[in-house]
All heavy atoms as atom14 arrays in JSON, in Angstrom:
{
  "sequence": "EACLATAEEFTALAETLEARGFRAGYHCHHGDIVPLSNGETAWYMI",
  "atom14_mask": [
    [1, 1, 1, 1, 1, 1, 1, 1, 1, 0, 0, 0, 0, 0],
    [1, 1, 1, 1, 1, 0, 0, 0, 0, 0, 0, 0, 0, 0],
    [1, 1, 1, 1, 1, 1, 0, 0, 0, 0, 0, 0, 0, 0],
    [1, 1, 1, 1, 1, 1, 1, 1, 0, 0, 0, 0, 0, 0],
    [1, 1, 1, 1, 1, 0, 0, 0, 0, 0, 0, 0, 0, 0],
    [1, 1, 1, 1, 1, 1, 1, 0, 0, 0, 0, 0, 0, 0],
    [1, 1, 1, 1, 1, 0, 0, 0, 0, 0, 0, 0, 0, 0],
    [1, 1, 1, 1, 1, 1, 1, 1, 1, 0, 0, 0, 0, 0],
    [1, 1, 1, 1, 1, 1, 1, 1, 1, 0, 0, 0, 0, 0],
    [1, 1, 1, 1, 1, 1, 1, 1, 1, 1, 1, 0, 0, 0],
    [1, 1, 1, 1, 1, 1, 1, 0, 0, 0, 0, 0, 0, 0],
    [1, 1, 1, 1, 1, 0, 0, 0, 0, 0, 0, 0, 0, 0],
    [1, 1, 1, 1, 1, 1, 1, 1, 0, 0, 0, 0, 0, 0],
    [1, 1, 1, 1, 1, 0, 0, 0, 0, 0, 0, 0, 0, 0],
    [1, 1, 1, 1, 1, 1, 1, 1, 1, 0, 0, 0, 0, 0],
    [1, 1, 1, 1, 1, 1, 1, 0, 0, 0, 0, 0, 0, 0],
    [1, 1, 1, 1, 1, 1, 1, 1, 0, 0, 0, 0, 0, 0],
    [1, 1, 1, 1, 1, 1, 1, 1, 1, 0, 0, 0, 0, 0],
    [1, 1, 1, 1, 1, 0, 0, 0, 0, 0, 0, 0, 0, 0],
    [1, 1, 1, 1, 1, 1, 1, 1, 1, 1, 1, 0, 0, 0],
    [1, 1, 1, 1, 0, 0, 0, 0, 0, 0, 0, 0, 0, 0],
    [1, 1, 1, 1, 1, 1, 1, 1, 1, 1, 1, 0, 0, 0],
    [1, 1, 1, 1, 1, 1, 1, 1, 1, 1, 1, 0, 0, 0],
    [1, 1, 1, 1, 1, 0, 0, 0, 0, 0, 0, 0, 0, 0],
    [1, 1, 1, 1, 0, 0, 0, 0, 0, 0, 0, 0, 0, 0],
    [1, 1, 1, 1, 1, 1, 1, 1, 1, 1, 1, 1, 0, 0],
    [1, 1, 1, 1, 1, 1, 1, 1, 1, 1, 0, 0, 0, 0],
    [1, 1, 1, 1, 1, 1, 0, 0, 0, 0, 0, 0, 0, 0],
    [1, 1, 1, 1, 1, 1, 1, 1, 1, 1, 0, 0, 0, 0],
    [1, 1, 1, 1, 1, 1, 1, 1, 1, 1, 0, 0, 0, 0],
    [1, 1, 1, 1, 0, 0, 0, 0, 0, 0, 0, 0, 0, 0],
    [1, 1, 1, 1, 1, 1, 1, 1, 0, 0, 0, 0, 0, 0],
    [1, 1, 1, 1, 1, 1, 1, 1, 0, 0, 0, 0, 0, 0],
    [1, 1, 1, 1, 1, 1, 1, 0, 0, 0, 0, 0, 0, 0],
    [1, 1, 1, 1, 1, 1, 1, 0, 0, 0, 0, 0, 0, 0],
    [1, 1, 1, 1, 1, 1, 1, 1, 0, 0, 0, 0, 0, 0],
    [1, 1, 1, 1, 1, 1, 0, 0, 0, 0, 0, 0, 0, 0],
    [1, 1, 1, 1, 1, 1, 1, 1, 0, 0, 0, 0, 0, 0],
    [1, 1, 1, 1, 0, 0, 0, 0, 0, 0, 0, 0, 0, 0],
    [1, 1, 1, 1, 1, 1, 1, 1, 1, 0, 0, 0, 0, 0],
    [1, 1, 1, 1, 1, 1, 1, 0, 0, 0, 0, 0, 0, 0],
    [1, 1, 1, 1, 1, 0, 0, 0, 0, 0, 0, 0, 0, 0],
    [1, 1, 1, 1, 1, 1, 1, 1, 1, 1, 1, 1, 1, 1],
    [1, 1, 1, 1, 1, 1, 1, 1, 1, 1, 1, 1, 0, 0],
    [1, 1, 1, 1, 1, 1, 1, 1, 0, 0, 0, 0, 0, 0],
    [1, 1, 1, 1, 1, 1, 1, 1, 0, 0, 0, 0, 0, 0]
  ],
  "atom14_positions": [
    [[53.4, -30.52, -47.55], [54.55, -30.57, -48.46], [54.11, -30.83, -49.9], [54.61, -30.21, -50.85], [55.54, -31.63, -48.0], [56.18, -31.38, -46.65], [55.25, -31.65, -45.47], [54.23, -32.37, -45.65], [55.53, -31.13, -44.37], [0.0, 0.0, 0.0], [0.0, 0.0, 0.0], [0.0, 0.0, 0.0], [0.0, 0.0, 0.0], [0.0, 0.0, 0.0]],
    [[53.15, -31.75, -50.05], [52.63, -32.05, -51.38], [51.95, -30.83, -51.99], [52.09, -30.55, -53.19], [51.67, -33.23, -51.32], [0.0, 0.0, 0.0], [0.0, 0.0, 0.0], [0.0, 0.0, 0.0], [0.0, 0.0, 0.0], [0.0, 0.0, 0.0], [0.0, 0.0, 0.0], [0.0, 0.0, 0.0], [0.0, 0.0, 0.0], [0.0, 0.0, 0.0]],
    [[51.2, -30.1, -51.17], [50.49, -28.92, -51.67], [51.46, -27.84, -52.13], [51.22, -27.17, -53.14], [49.55, -28.38, -50.6], [48.15, -29.46, -50.26], [0.0, 0.0, 0.0], [0.0, 0.0, 0.0], [0.0, 0.0, 0.0], [0.0, 0.0, 0.0], [0.0, 0.0, 0.0], [0.0, 0.0, 0.0], [0.0, 0.0, 0.0], [0.0, 0.0, 0.0]],
    [[52.54, -27.65, -51.39], [53.54, -26.66, -51.79], [54.19, -27.05, -53.11], [54.42, -26.2, -53.98], [54.59, -26.5, -50.7], [54.12, -25.81, -49.42], [55.23, -25.83, -48.36], [53.68, -24.38, -49.7], [0.0, 0.0, 0.0], [0.0, 0.0, 0.0], [0.0, 0.0, 0.0], [0.0, 0.0, 0.0], [0.0, 0.0, 0.0], [0.0, 0.0, 0.0]],
    [[54.48, -28.33, -53.28], [55.07, -28.79, -54.54], [54.08, -28.62, -55.69], [54.46, -28.22, -56.79], [55.49, -30.26, -54.41], [0.0, 0.0, 0.0], [0.0, 0.0, 0.0], [0.0, 0.0, 0.0], [0.0, 0.0, 0.0], [0.0, 0.0, 0.0], [0.0, 0.0, 0.0], [0.0, 0.0, 0.0], [0.0, 0.0, 0.0], [0.0, 0.0, 0.0]],
    [[52.81, -28.91, -55.44], [51.78, -28.74, -56.47], [51.62, -27.28, -56.82], [51.48, -26.92, -58.0], [50.45, -29.33, -55.99], [50.61, -30.74, -55.83], [49.34, -29.07, -56.98], [0.0, 0.0, 0.0], [0.0, 0.0, 0.0], [0.0, 0.0, 0.0], [0.0, 0.0, 0.0], [0.0, 0.0, 0.0], [0.0, 0.0, 0.0], [0.0, 0.0, 0.0]],
    [[51.64, -26.41, -55.83], [51.53, -24.98, -56.08], [52.7, -24.49, -56.94], [52.52, -23.65, -57.83], [51.49, -24.22, -54.76], [0.0, 0.0, 0.0], [0.0, 0.0, 0.0], [0.0, 0.0, 0.0], [0.0, 0.0, 0.0], [0.0, 0.0, 0.0], [0.0, 0.0, 0.0], [0.0, 0.0, 0.0], [0.0, 0.0, 0.0], [0.0, 0.0, 0.0]],
    [[53.87, -25.03, -56.68], [55.03, -24.66, -57.5], [54.83, -25.12, -58.95], [55.14, -24.38, -59.9], [56.29, -25.29, -56.91], [57.57, -24.87, -57.61], [58.82, -25.42, -56.93], [58.7, -25.99, -55.84], [59.91, -25.28, -57.51], [0.0, 0.0, 0.0], [0.0, 0.0, 0.0], [0.0, 0.0, 0.0], [0.0, 0.0, 0.0], [0.0, 0.0, 0.0]],
    [[54.31, -26.32, -59.11], [54.03, -26.84, -60.45], [52.98, -25.99, -61.16], [53.11, -25.66, -62.34], [53.55, -28.29, -60.34], [53.27, -28.96, -61.67], [52.8, -30.4, -61.5], [52.72, -30.9, -60.35], [52.51, -31.05, -62.53], [0.0, 0.0, 0.0], [0.0, 0.0, 0.0], [0.0, 0.0, 0.0], [0.0, 0.0, 0.0], [0.0, 0.0, 0.0]],
    [[51.93, -25.62, -60.43], [50.88, -24.8, -61.01], [51.37, -23.38, -61.34], [50.93, -22.78, -62.32], [49.69, -24.71, -60.05], [48.79, -25.92, -60.07], [47.91, -26.15, -59.01], [48.8, -26.82, -61.11], [47.06, -27.26, -59.02], [47.96, -27.93, -61.14], [47.09, -28.14, -60.09], [0.0, 0.0, 0.0], [0.0, 0.0, 0.0], [0.0, 0.0, 0.0]],
    [[52.27, -22.86, -60.53], [52.83, -21.54, -60.81], [53.6, -21.55, -62.13], [53.45, -20.63, -62.96], [53.75, -21.1, -59.66], [52.97, -20.93, -58.47], [54.45, -19.79, -59.99], [0.0, 0.0, 0.0], [0.0, 0.0, 0.0], [0.0, 0.0, 0.0], [0.0, 0.0, 0.0], [0.0, 0.0, 0.0], [0.0, 0.0, 0.0], [0.0, 0.0, 0.0]],
    [[54.39, -22.58, -62.34], [55.13, -22.7, -63.6], [54.17, -22.85, -64.77], [54.37, -22.25, -65.84], [56.08, -23.89, -63.53], [0.0, 0.0, 0.0], [0.0, 0.0, 0.0], [0.0, 0.0, 0.0], [0.0, 0.0, 0.0], [0.0, 0.0, 0.0], [0.0, 0.0, 0.0], [0.0, 0.0, 0.0], [0.0, 0.0, 0.0], [0.0, 0.0, 0.0]],
    [[53.11, -23.64, -64.57], [52.12, -23.82, -65.63], [51.43, -22.5, -65.95], [51.24, -22.15, -67.12], [51.08, -24.86, -65.2], [49.94, -25.13, -66.18], [50.47, -25.74, -67.47], [48.89, -26.04, -65.55], [0.0, 0.0, 0.0], [0.0, 0.0, 0.0], [0.0, 0.0, 0.0], [0.0, 0.0, 0.0], [0.0, 0.0, 0.0], [0.0, 0.0, 0.0]],
    [[51.07, -21.76, -64.92], [50.4, -20.47, -65.12], [51.28, -19.51, -65.92], [50.8, -18.83, -66.84], [50.04, -19.85, -63.77], [0.0, 0.0, 0.0], [0.0, 0.0, 0.0], [0.0, 0.0, 0.0], [0.0, 0.0, 0.0], [0.0, 0.0, 0.0], [0.0, 0.0, 0.0], [0.0, 0.0, 0.0], [0.0, 0.0, 0.0], [0.0, 0.0, 0.0]],
    [[52.55, -19.48, -65.59], [53.47, -18.59, -66.29], [53.64, -18.99, -67.75], [53.65, -18.14, -68.65], [54.82, -18.57, -65.57], [54.74, -17.92, -64.19], [56.01, -18.11, -63.38], [56.9, -18.89, -63.82], [56.12, -17.48, -62.3], [0.0, 0.0, 0.0], [0.0, 0.0, 0.0], [0.0, 0.0, 0.0], [0.0, 0.0, 0.0], [0.0, 0.0, 0.0]],
    [[53.74, -20.29, -67.98], [53.9, -20.79, -69.36], [52.67, -20.48, -70.19], [52.77, -19.98, -71.33], [54.14, -22.31, -69.34], [55.36, -22.58, -68.65], [54.24, -22.86, -70.76], [0.0, 0.0, 0.0], [0.0, 0.0, 0.0], [0.0, 0.0, 0.0], [0.0, 0.0, 0.0], [0.0, 0.0, 0.0], [0.0, 0.0, 0.0], [0.0, 0.0, 0.0]],
    [[51.49, -20.76, -69.64], [50.26, -20.53, -70.39], [49.99, -19.05, -70.6], [49.55, -18.63, -71.68], [49.07, -21.19, -69.69], [48.71, -22.6, -70.21], [49.87, -23.57, -70.01], [47.45, -23.13, -69.53], [0.0, 0.0, 0.0], [0.0, 0.0, 0.0], [0.0, 0.0, 0.0], [0.0, 0.0, 0.0], [0.0, 0.0, 0.0], [0.0, 0.0, 0.0]],
    [[50.25, -18.26, -69.58], [49.99, -16.82, -69.71], [50.86, -16.2, -70.79], [50.4, -15.31, -71.53], [50.23, -16.14, -68.36], [49.63, -14.75, -68.29], [49.53, -14.23, -66.86], [49.82, -14.99, -65.92], [49.17, -13.05, -66.71], [0.0, 0.0, 0.0], [0.0, 0.0, 0.0], [0.0, 0.0, 0.0], [0.0, 0.0, 0.0], [0.0, 0.0, 0.0]],
    [[52.08, -16.67, -70.91], [52.98, -16.15, -71.95], [52.47, -16.45, -73.35], [52.84, -15.78, -74.31], [54.38, -16.74, -71.76], [0.0, 0.0, 0.0], [0.0, 0.0, 0.0], [0.0, 0.0, 0.0], [0.0, 0.0, 0.0], [0.0, 0.0, 0.0], [0.0, 0.0, 0.0], [0.0, 0.0, 0.0], [0.0, 0.0, 0.0], [0.0, 0.0, 0.0]],
    [[51.57, -17.46, -73.44], [51.03, -17.84, -74.74], [49.57, -17.43, -74.91], [48.9, -17.86, -75.84], [51.21, -19.35, -74.92], [52.69, -19.73, -74.92], [52.94, -21.21, -75.01], [52.49, -21.8, -76.26], [52.82, -23.01, -76.68], [53.66, -23.74, -75.95], [52.36, -23.49, -77.81], [0.0, 0.0, 0.0], [0.0, 0.0, 0.0], [0.0, 0.0, 0.0]],
    [[49.08, -16.6, -74.0], [47.75, -16.03, -74.15], [46.62, -16.8, -73.51], [45.44, -16.52, -73.79], [0.0, 0.0, 0.0], [0.0, 0.0, 0.0], [0.0, 0.0, 0.0], [0.0, 0.0, 0.0], [0.0, 0.0, 0.0], [0.0, 0.0, 0.0], [0.0, 0.0, 0.0], [0.0, 0.0, 0.0], [0.0, 0.0, 0.0], [0.0, 0.0, 0.0]],
    [[46.94, -17.75, -72.62], [45.93, -18.56, -71.96], [45.96, -18.31, -70.46], [46.89, -17.69, -69.93], [46.15, -20.06, -72.23], [46.11, -20.43, -73.68], [47.27, -20.41, -74.46], [44.92, -20.78, -74.29], [47.24, -20.74, -75.8], [44.88, -21.12, -75.64], [46.04, -21.1, -76.39], [0.0, 0.0, 0.0], [0.0, 0.0, 0.0], [0.0, 0.0, 0.0]],
    [[44.96, -18.82, -69.78], [44.91, -18.75, -68.32], [44.78, -20.15, -67.76], [43.91, -20.92, -68.19], [43.72, -17.9, -67.87], [43.82, -16.43, -68.29], [44.89, -15.68, -67.52], [44.57, -15.66, -66.09], [43.67, -14.83, -65.56], [42.98, -14.0, -66.31], [43.44, -14.84, -64.25], [0.0, 0.0, 0.0], [0.0, 0.0, 0.0], [0.0, 0.0, 0.0]],
    [[45.63, -20.48, -66.81], [45.57, -21.77, -66.15], [44.75, -21.67, -64.87], [44.59, -20.58, -64.3], [46.97, -22.26, -65.82], [0.0, 0.0, 0.0], [0.0, 0.0, 0.0], [0.0, 0.0, 0.0], [0.0, 0.0, 0.0], [0.0, 0.0, 0.0], [0.0, 0.0, 0.0], [0.0, 0.0, 0.0], [0.0, 0.0, 0.0], [0.0, 0.0, 0.0]],
    [[44.21, -22.8, -64.43], [43.44, -22.8, -63.2], [43.26, -24.19, -62.65], [43.69, -25.18, -63.25], [0.0, 0.0, 0.0], [0.0, 0.0, 0.0], [0.0, 0.0, 0.0], [0.0, 0.0, 0.0], [0.0, 0.0, 0.0], [0.0, 0.0, 0.0], [0.0, 0.0, 0.0], [0.0, 0.0, 0.0], [0.0, 0.0, 0.0], [0.0, 0.0, 0.0]],
    [[42.6, -24.26, -61.5], [42.39, -25.52, -60.8], [40.97, -25.57, -60.26], [40.46, -24.58, -59.73], [43.4, -25.67, -59.66], [43.26, -26.94, -58.85], [43.32, -28.19, -59.46], [43.07, -26.88, -57.48], [43.2, -29.36, -58.71], [42.95, -28.05, -56.73], [43.02, -29.28, -57.35], [42.88, -30.43, -56.61], [0.0, 0.0, 0.0], [0.0, 0.0, 0.0]],
    [[40.33, -26.74, -60.41], [38.94, -26.94, -59.99], [38.87, -27.56, -58.61], [39.6, -28.5, -58.3], [38.23, -27.82, -61.01], [36.8, -28.12, -60.66], [35.8, -27.18, -60.76], [36.2, -29.25, -60.21], [34.65, -27.72, -60.4], [34.88, -28.98, -60.05], [0.0, 0.0, 0.0], [0.0, 0.0, 0.0], [0.0, 0.0, 0.0], [0.0, 0.0, 0.0]],
    [[37.95, -27.08, -57.8], [37.8, -27.54, -56.42], [37.02, -28.85, -56.31], [35.95, -29.0, -56.9], [37.08, -26.47, -55.61], [36.74, -26.93, -53.91], [0.0, 0.0, 0.0], [0.0, 0.0, 0.0], [0.0, 0.0, 0.0], [0.0, 0.0, 0.0], [0.0, 0.0, 0.0], [0.0, 0.0, 0.0], [0.0, 0.0, 0.0], [0.0, 0.0, 0.0]],
    [[37.58, -29.78, -55.52], [36.89, -31.02, -55.18], [36.84, -31.18, -53.66], [37.51, -30.46, -52.91], [37.59, -32.23, -55.81], [37.26, -32.41, -57.25], [36.09, -32.97, -57.68], [37.95, -32.08, -58.38], [36.06, -32.99, -59.01], [37.18, -32.46, -59.45], [0.0, 0.0, 0.0], [0.0, 0.0, 0.0], [0.0, 0.0, 0.0], [0.0, 0.0, 0.0]],
    [[36.03, -32.13, -53.23], [35.84, -32.42, -51.81], [37.16, -32.49, -51.06], [37.34, -31.86, -50.01], [35.07, -33.75, -51.68], [35.06, -34.33, -50.32], [33.99, -34.18, -49.45], [35.97, -35.07, -49.65], [34.26, -34.8, -48.31], [35.44, -35.36, -48.41], [0.0, 0.0, 0.0], [0.0, 0.0, 0.0], [0.0, 0.0, 0.0], [0.0, 0.0, 0.0]],
    [[38.11, -33.25, -51.6], [39.38, -33.46, -50.91], [40.22, -32.21, -50.74], [41.09, -32.16, -49.86], [0.0, 0.0, 0.0], [0.0, 0.0, 0.0], [0.0, 0.0, 0.0], [0.0, 0.0, 0.0], [0.0, 0.0, 0.0], [0.0, 0.0, 0.0], [0.0, 0.0, 0.0], [0.0, 0.0, 0.0], [0.0, 0.0, 0.0], [0.0, 0.0, 0.0]],
    [[39.98, -31.2, -51.55], [40.75, -29.97, -51.46], [40.36, -29.14, -50.25], [41.09, -28.22, -49.86], [40.54, -29.13, -52.73], [41.04, -29.82, -53.97], [42.21, -30.24, -53.98], [40.26, -29.97, -54.93], [0.0, 0.0, 0.0], [0.0, 0.0, 0.0], [0.0, 0.0, 0.0], [0.0, 0.0, 0.0], [0.0, 0.0, 0.0], [0.0, 0.0, 0.0]],
    [[39.21, -29.44, -49.67], [38.67, -28.63, -48.58], [38.87, -29.3, -47.21], [38.73, -28.69, -46.17], [37.16, -28.37, -48.84], [36.99, -27.53, -50.12], [36.51, -27.66, -47.69], [37.62, -26.15, -50.06], [0.0, 0.0, 0.0], [0.0, 0.0, 0.0], [0.0, 0.0, 0.0], [0.0, 0.0, 0.0], [0.0, 0.0, 0.0], [0.0, 0.0, 0.0]],
    [[39.22, -30.56, -47.21], [39.42, -31.29, -45.95], [40.73, -30.83, -45.3], [41.77, -30.78, -45.96], [39.47, -32.81, -46.22], [39.76, -33.57, -44.93], [38.14, -33.28, -46.82], [0.0, 0.0, 0.0], [0.0, 0.0, 0.0], [0.0, 0.0, 0.0], [0.0, 0.0, 0.0], [0.0, 0.0, 0.0], [0.0, 0.0, 0.0], [0.0, 0.0, 0.0]],
    [[40.71, -30.46, -44.02], [41.93, -29.97, -43.35], [43.07, -30.99, -43.36], [42.86, -32.2, -43.2], [41.46, -29.71, -41.91], [40.0, -29.46, -42.04], [39.53, -30.38, -43.13], [0.0, 0.0, 0.0], [0.0, 0.0, 0.0], [0.0, 0.0, 0.0], [0.0, 0.0, 0.0], [0.0, 0.0, 0.0], [0.0, 0.0, 0.0], [0.0, 0.0, 0.0]],
    [[44.28, -30.48, -43.53], [45.49, -31.29, -43.52], [46.1, -31.29, -42.11], [45.52, -30.72, -41.18], [46.48, -30.73, -44.54], [45.98, -30.68, -45.99], [46.94, -29.87, -46.84], [45.83, -32.09, -46.54], [0.0, 0.0, 0.0], [0.0, 0.0, 0.0], [0.0, 0.0, 0.0], [0.0, 0.0, 0.0], [0.0, 0.0, 0.0], [0.0, 0.0, 0.0]],
    [[47.26, -31.88, -41.98], [47.89, -32.0, -40.66], [48.24, -30.65, -40.04], [48.36, -30.54, -38.82], [49.16, -32.85, -40.78], [50.09, -32.26, -41.67], [0.0, 0.0, 0.0], [0.0, 0.0, 0.0], [0.0, 0.0, 0.0], [0.0, 0.0, 0.0], [0.0, 0.0, 0.0], [0.0, 0.0, 0.0], [0.0, 0.0, 0.0], [0.0, 0.0, 0.0]],
    [[48.41, -29.62, -40.86], [48.74, -28.29, -40.34], [47.49, -27.43, -40.11], [47.61, -26.25, -39.79], [49.7, -27.57, -41.28], [49.09, -27.32, -42.66], [48.01, -27.82, -42.98], [49.8, -26.55, -43.49], [0.0, 0.0, 0.0], [0.0, 0.0, 0.0], [0.0, 0.0, 0.0], [0.0, 0.0, 0.0], [0.0, 0.0, 0.0], [0.0, 0.0, 0.0]],
    [[46.32, -28.02, -40.31], [45.07, -27.29, -40.1], [44.59, -26.52, -41.31], [43.46, -26.05, -41.34], [0.0, 0.0, 0.0], [0.0, 0.0, 0.0], [0.0, 0.0, 0.0], [0.0, 0.0, 0.0], [0.0, 0.0, 0.0], [0.0, 0.0, 0.0], [0.0, 0.0, 0.0], [0.0, 0.0, 0.0], [0.0, 0.0, 0.0], [0.0, 0.0, 0.0]],
    [[45.44, -26.39, -42.32], [45.04, -25.73, -43.56], [44.45, -26.76, -44.52], [44.44, -27.96, -44.25], [46.22, -25.01, -44.2], [46.72, -23.82, -43.41], [47.64, -22.94, -44.24], [47.14, -22.3, -45.19], [48.85, -22.93, -43.95], [0.0, 0.0, 0.0], [0.0, 0.0, 0.0], [0.0, 0.0, 0.0], [0.0, 0.0, 0.0], [0.0, 0.0, 0.0]],
    [[43.97, -26.28, -45.64], [43.43, -27.18, -46.65], [44.26, -27.04, -47.93], [44.94, -26.04, -48.14], [41.97, -26.86, -46.98], [41.9, -25.56, -47.62], [41.1, -26.86, -45.73], [0.0, 0.0, 0.0], [0.0, 0.0, 0.0], [0.0, 0.0, 0.0], [0.0, 0.0, 0.0], [0.0, 0.0, 0.0], [0.0, 0.0, 0.0], [0.0, 0.0, 0.0]],
    [[44.19, -28.06, -48.77], [44.9, -28.0, -50.05], [44.45, -26.8, -50.87], [45.26, -26.12, -51.5], [44.67, -29.3, -50.82], [0.0, 0.0, 0.0], [0.0, 0.0, 0.0], [0.0, 0.0, 0.0], [0.0, 0.0, 0.0], [0.0, 0.0, 0.0], [0.0, 0.0, 0.0], [0.0, 0.0, 0.0], [0.0, 0.0, 0.0], [0.0, 0.0, 0.0]],
    [[43.14, -26.53, -50.85], [42.6, -25.42, -51.63], [43.26, -24.09, -51.24], [43.71, -23.32, -52.09], [41.09, -25.35, -51.45], [40.42, -24.31, -52.28], [39.91, -23.11, -51.85], [40.18, -24.35, -53.69], [39.36, -22.41, -52.91], [39.53, -23.16, -54.05], [40.48, -25.3, -54.68], [39.13, -22.89, -55.35], [40.1, -25.01, -55.99], [39.43, -23.83, -56.31]],
    [[43.33, -23.86, -49.92], [43.9, -22.59, -49.46], [45.4, -22.54, -49.66], [45.94, -21.5, -50.04], [43.52, -22.36, -47.99], [42.15, -21.73, -47.84], [41.0, -22.46, -48.09], [42.01, -20.38, -47.5], [39.74, -21.88, -47.98], [40.76, -19.8, -47.38], [39.63, -20.55, -47.62], [38.38, -19.97, -47.52], [0.0, 0.0, 0.0], [0.0, 0.0, 0.0]],
    [[46.08, -23.65, -49.45], [47.52, -23.64, -49.63], [47.89, -23.42, -51.09], [48.83, -22.67, -51.4], [48.13, -24.95, -49.12], [48.13, -25.08, -47.61], [49.25, -26.4, -47.05], [50.86, -25.67, -47.42], [0.0, 0.0, 0.0], [0.0, 0.0, 0.0], [0.0, 0.0, 0.0], [0.0, 0.0, 0.0], [0.0, 0.0, 0.0], [0.0, 0.0, 0.0]],
    [[47.17, -24.07, -51.99], [47.46, -23.88, -53.42], [47.17, -22.44, -53.83], [47.95, -21.81, -54.55], [46.65, -24.88, -54.26], [47.21, -26.3, -54.05], [46.68, -24.51, -55.74], [46.36, -27.39, -54.66], [0.0, 0.0, 0.0], [0.0, 0.0, 0.0], [0.0, 0.0, 0.0], [0.0, 0.0, 0.0], [0.0, 0.0, 0.0], [0.0, 0.0, 0.0]]
  ]
}
């Protein structure tokens, strides 16, 4: 649930920045790769 909310936040950020000529992104850390309760990872869900 947290990952979906973060992805929504990042999507809005990407749209805002792209409209102004920039590109948004996210950097991978250890915790992004550890499986969550649904078997997916934060990295893949985002």
